[in-house]
N, C-alpha and C. Protein backbone atom coordinates (compact mmCIF):
# COMPACT_ATOMS: atom_id res chain seq x y z
N MET A 1 163.04 107.64 105.86
CA MET A 1 161.57 107.72 105.69
C MET A 1 160.96 106.29 105.66
N ASP A 2 159.85 106.18 106.30
CA ASP A 2 159.18 104.84 106.39
C ASP A 2 158.23 104.75 105.21
N TYR A 3 158.50 103.78 104.35
CA TYR A 3 157.65 103.62 103.12
C TYR A 3 156.47 102.68 103.37
N ASN A 4 156.41 102.01 104.52
CA ASN A 4 155.31 101.03 104.80
C ASN A 4 154.24 101.69 105.64
N ASN A 5 154.34 102.97 106.01
CA ASN A 5 153.35 103.65 106.84
C ASN A 5 153.23 102.99 108.18
N GLU A 6 154.25 102.48 108.72
CA GLU A 6 154.25 101.91 110.08
C GLU A 6 154.88 102.85 111.05
N PRO A 7 154.29 102.99 112.21
CA PRO A 7 154.89 103.92 113.20
C PRO A 7 156.20 103.31 113.68
N PRO A 8 157.10 104.17 114.14
CA PRO A 8 158.36 103.59 114.61
C PRO A 8 158.16 102.83 115.92
N LYS A 9 158.92 101.75 116.09
CA LYS A 9 158.73 100.97 117.29
C LYS A 9 159.52 101.58 118.39
N ILE A 10 158.92 101.73 119.65
CA ILE A 10 159.57 102.24 120.77
C ILE A 10 159.96 101.11 121.71
N VAL A 11 161.18 101.07 122.18
CA VAL A 11 161.65 100.04 123.07
C VAL A 11 162.02 100.71 124.35
N PHE A 12 161.45 100.27 125.47
CA PHE A 12 161.86 100.81 126.79
C PHE A 12 162.90 99.90 127.44
N GLU A 13 163.76 100.51 128.13
CA GLU A 13 164.75 99.73 128.93
C GLU A 13 164.24 99.62 130.33
N GLY A 14 164.59 98.52 130.91
CA GLY A 14 164.22 98.28 132.32
C GLY A 14 163.26 97.16 132.42
N GLU A 15 162.46 97.26 133.50
CA GLU A 15 161.57 96.12 133.80
C GLU A 15 160.47 96.01 132.76
N GLU A 16 160.19 94.80 132.38
CA GLU A 16 159.10 94.56 131.48
C GLU A 16 157.87 94.20 132.25
N PHE A 17 156.74 94.60 131.71
CA PHE A 17 155.50 94.30 132.38
C PHE A 17 155.11 92.84 132.20
N GLN A 18 154.75 92.22 133.30
CA GLN A 18 154.34 90.82 133.27
C GLN A 18 152.84 90.79 133.33
N ARG A 19 152.31 89.87 132.57
CA ARG A 19 150.82 89.60 132.68
C ARG A 19 150.51 89.06 133.98
N PRO A 20 149.42 89.50 134.58
CA PRO A 20 149.02 88.88 135.87
C PRO A 20 148.62 87.47 135.63
N GLN A 21 148.91 86.71 136.67
CA GLN A 21 148.60 85.29 136.62
C GLN A 21 147.05 85.15 136.52
N SER A 22 146.64 84.17 135.73
CA SER A 22 145.18 83.98 135.64
C SER A 22 144.62 83.56 137.02
N PHE A 23 143.55 84.02 137.35
CA PHE A 23 142.98 83.68 138.63
C PHE A 23 141.54 83.22 138.39
N GLN A 24 141.09 82.36 139.27
CA GLN A 24 139.83 81.76 139.16
C GLN A 24 138.85 82.62 139.97
N THR A 25 137.74 82.95 139.34
CA THR A 25 136.79 83.78 140.06
C THR A 25 136.17 82.95 141.19
N PRO A 26 135.83 83.63 142.27
CA PRO A 26 135.17 82.88 143.33
C PRO A 26 133.79 82.40 142.96
N THR A 27 133.39 81.28 143.51
CA THR A 27 132.10 80.70 143.22
C THR A 27 131.02 81.61 143.79
N PRO A 28 129.98 81.91 142.95
CA PRO A 28 128.87 82.74 143.45
C PRO A 28 128.16 82.13 144.62
N LYS A 29 127.64 82.94 145.52
CA LYS A 29 126.97 82.49 146.69
C LYS A 29 125.77 81.63 146.44
N ILE A 30 124.95 81.94 145.39
CA ILE A 30 123.78 81.13 145.08
C ILE A 30 124.21 79.78 144.63
N VAL A 31 125.31 79.62 143.94
CA VAL A 31 125.75 78.27 143.49
C VAL A 31 126.21 77.52 144.74
N GLN A 32 126.95 78.16 145.60
CA GLN A 32 127.30 77.47 146.88
C GLN A 32 126.11 77.00 147.67
N LEU A 33 125.07 77.76 147.68
CA LEU A 33 123.86 77.38 148.45
C LEU A 33 123.21 76.19 147.80
N VAL A 34 123.12 76.13 146.43
CA VAL A 34 122.56 75.01 145.72
C VAL A 34 123.35 73.74 146.03
N ILE A 35 124.64 73.84 146.03
CA ILE A 35 125.49 72.71 146.31
C ILE A 35 125.27 72.23 147.77
N LYS A 36 125.25 73.17 148.69
CA LYS A 36 125.09 72.85 150.10
C LYS A 36 123.78 72.20 150.42
N TYR A 37 122.71 72.78 149.93
CA TYR A 37 121.36 72.34 150.30
C TYR A 37 120.79 71.24 149.35
N SER A 38 121.59 70.74 148.40
CA SER A 38 121.07 69.73 147.52
C SER A 38 121.08 68.33 148.11
N GLY A 39 121.71 68.19 149.29
CA GLY A 39 121.75 66.88 149.90
C GLY A 39 122.74 65.97 149.24
N GLY A 40 123.72 66.50 148.54
CA GLY A 40 124.74 65.67 147.88
C GLY A 40 124.40 65.34 146.44
N THR A 41 123.24 65.76 145.99
CA THR A 41 122.89 65.46 144.61
C THR A 41 123.68 66.31 143.66
N VAL A 42 123.88 67.55 143.97
CA VAL A 42 124.68 68.43 143.06
C VAL A 42 126.09 68.46 143.66
N LYS A 43 127.04 68.04 142.83
CA LYS A 43 128.39 67.87 143.33
C LYS A 43 129.38 68.94 142.92
N ASP A 44 129.10 69.69 141.86
CA ASP A 44 130.07 70.73 141.46
C ASP A 44 129.36 71.95 140.85
N GLU A 45 130.10 72.96 140.54
CA GLU A 45 129.60 74.22 140.07
C GLU A 45 128.76 74.08 138.84
N ARG A 46 129.25 73.28 137.88
CA ARG A 46 128.57 73.08 136.57
C ARG A 46 127.18 72.53 136.85
N GLN A 47 127.02 71.48 137.67
CA GLN A 47 125.73 70.93 137.98
C GLN A 47 124.81 71.92 138.67
N ALA A 48 125.41 72.72 139.52
CA ALA A 48 124.55 73.77 140.19
C ALA A 48 124.08 74.82 139.25
N ASN A 49 124.86 75.15 138.24
CA ASN A 49 124.41 76.06 137.21
C ASN A 49 123.27 75.53 136.41
N TYR A 50 123.37 74.19 136.08
CA TYR A 50 122.26 73.54 135.38
C TYR A 50 120.94 73.56 136.22
N VAL A 51 121.06 73.31 137.49
CA VAL A 51 119.92 73.36 138.38
C VAL A 51 119.35 74.70 138.39
N LEU A 52 120.16 75.78 138.46
CA LEU A 52 119.60 77.17 138.46
C LEU A 52 118.97 77.47 137.15
N ILE A 53 119.49 77.08 136.05
CA ILE A 53 118.93 77.33 134.74
C ILE A 53 117.56 76.63 134.64
N GLY A 54 117.49 75.40 135.13
CA GLY A 54 116.26 74.66 135.10
C GLY A 54 115.17 75.33 135.97
N PHE A 55 115.62 75.85 137.15
CA PHE A 55 114.68 76.55 137.99
C PHE A 55 114.10 77.81 137.28
N VAL A 56 114.94 78.56 136.62
CA VAL A 56 114.51 79.73 135.94
C VAL A 56 113.53 79.40 134.79
N VAL A 57 113.85 78.32 134.06
CA VAL A 57 112.95 77.87 132.97
C VAL A 57 111.54 77.49 133.54
N VAL A 58 111.56 76.78 134.60
CA VAL A 58 110.28 76.37 135.23
C VAL A 58 109.52 77.56 135.69
N ALA A 59 110.21 78.51 136.35
CA ALA A 59 109.60 79.76 136.86
C ALA A 59 108.95 80.56 135.72
N ILE A 60 109.63 80.65 134.55
CA ILE A 60 109.07 81.40 133.42
C ILE A 60 107.90 80.65 132.87
N VAL A 61 107.94 79.36 132.70
CA VAL A 61 106.78 78.57 132.21
C VAL A 61 105.58 78.76 133.11
N VAL A 62 105.77 78.68 134.43
CA VAL A 62 104.65 78.82 135.35
C VAL A 62 104.12 80.28 135.30
N SER A 63 104.99 81.23 135.13
CA SER A 63 104.56 82.67 135.06
C SER A 63 103.73 82.84 133.84
N PHE A 64 104.10 82.34 132.64
CA PHE A 64 103.34 82.47 131.40
C PHE A 64 102.00 81.77 131.59
N PHE A 65 102.00 80.63 132.20
CA PHE A 65 100.75 79.86 132.39
C PHE A 65 99.78 80.69 133.21
N LEU A 66 100.23 81.27 134.33
CA LEU A 66 99.35 82.05 135.17
C LEU A 66 98.94 83.34 134.47
N PHE A 67 99.84 83.95 133.79
CA PHE A 67 99.50 85.21 133.16
C PHE A 67 98.53 85.06 132.02
N PHE A 68 98.67 84.02 131.15
CA PHE A 68 97.83 83.92 130.00
C PHE A 68 96.49 83.13 130.28
N SER A 69 96.49 82.31 131.31
CA SER A 69 95.29 81.47 131.50
C SER A 69 94.36 82.00 132.63
N GLY A 70 94.85 82.86 133.51
CA GLY A 70 94.10 83.33 134.61
C GLY A 70 93.10 84.42 134.33
N GLY A 71 93.31 85.29 133.36
CA GLY A 71 92.53 86.42 133.15
C GLY A 71 91.18 86.23 132.56
N SER A 72 90.98 85.37 131.57
CA SER A 72 89.71 85.16 130.89
C SER A 72 88.67 84.48 131.76
N ASP A 73 88.96 83.43 132.49
CA ASP A 73 88.01 82.75 133.28
C ASP A 73 87.58 83.57 134.46
N THR A 74 88.39 84.35 135.04
CA THR A 74 88.08 85.16 136.21
C THR A 74 87.09 86.23 135.86
N SER A 75 87.27 86.89 134.72
CA SER A 75 86.37 88.02 134.27
C SER A 75 84.97 87.50 134.02
N ARG A 76 84.87 86.28 133.39
CA ARG A 76 83.56 85.72 133.15
C ARG A 76 82.83 85.32 134.40
N THR A 77 83.56 84.80 135.33
CA THR A 77 82.97 84.41 136.63
C THR A 77 82.50 85.62 137.38
N LEU A 78 83.20 86.72 137.43
CA LEU A 78 82.84 87.89 138.12
C LEU A 78 81.57 88.48 137.51
N GLN A 79 81.49 88.49 136.19
CA GLN A 79 80.41 89.06 135.48
C GLN A 79 79.10 88.23 135.77
N GLU A 80 79.26 86.90 135.77
CA GLU A 80 78.14 86.04 136.12
C GLU A 80 77.62 86.27 137.57
N ASN A 81 78.61 86.50 138.48
CA ASN A 81 78.19 86.76 139.86
C ASN A 81 77.42 88.06 139.95
N PHE A 82 77.80 89.07 139.24
CA PHE A 82 77.07 90.40 139.33
C PHE A 82 75.72 90.24 138.71
N GLU A 83 75.55 89.49 137.66
CA GLU A 83 74.27 89.43 136.99
C GLU A 83 73.27 88.60 137.76
N ASN A 84 73.71 87.62 138.57
CA ASN A 84 72.81 86.77 139.25
C ASN A 84 72.44 87.23 140.71
N LYS A 85 73.03 88.30 141.19
CA LYS A 85 72.74 88.74 142.49
C LYS A 85 71.70 89.87 142.48
N PRO A 86 70.64 89.83 143.24
CA PRO A 86 69.66 90.82 143.19
C PRO A 86 70.10 92.22 143.72
N GLN A 87 71.06 92.24 144.63
CA GLN A 87 71.51 93.49 145.18
C GLN A 87 72.31 94.37 144.13
N PHE A 88 72.82 93.71 143.10
CA PHE A 88 73.55 94.47 142.08
C PHE A 88 72.65 94.86 140.89
N LEU A 89 71.42 94.38 140.88
CA LEU A 89 70.54 94.71 139.78
C LEU A 89 69.96 96.12 139.97
N PRO A 90 69.69 96.85 138.90
CA PRO A 90 69.10 98.26 139.10
C PRO A 90 67.61 98.18 139.50
């Protein structure tokens, strides 16, 4: 009887399973394009990843700027245009 509450160990005879050799994942296509079209400025995958992260940050900042600043000025301008035109007056 097993007093430690451990399951019995099973040992198989024959071939033992080997862990697969670690492999390096292929470089993503977008990273390859950044390296290729950088003109030699970006030399490796790590630098290309930093460039892509920077691009995403700039795109998000520009999107927020356009989203939050564009709406209020445009609505006032349209309202002023409708008020000052005689064809839109009742």
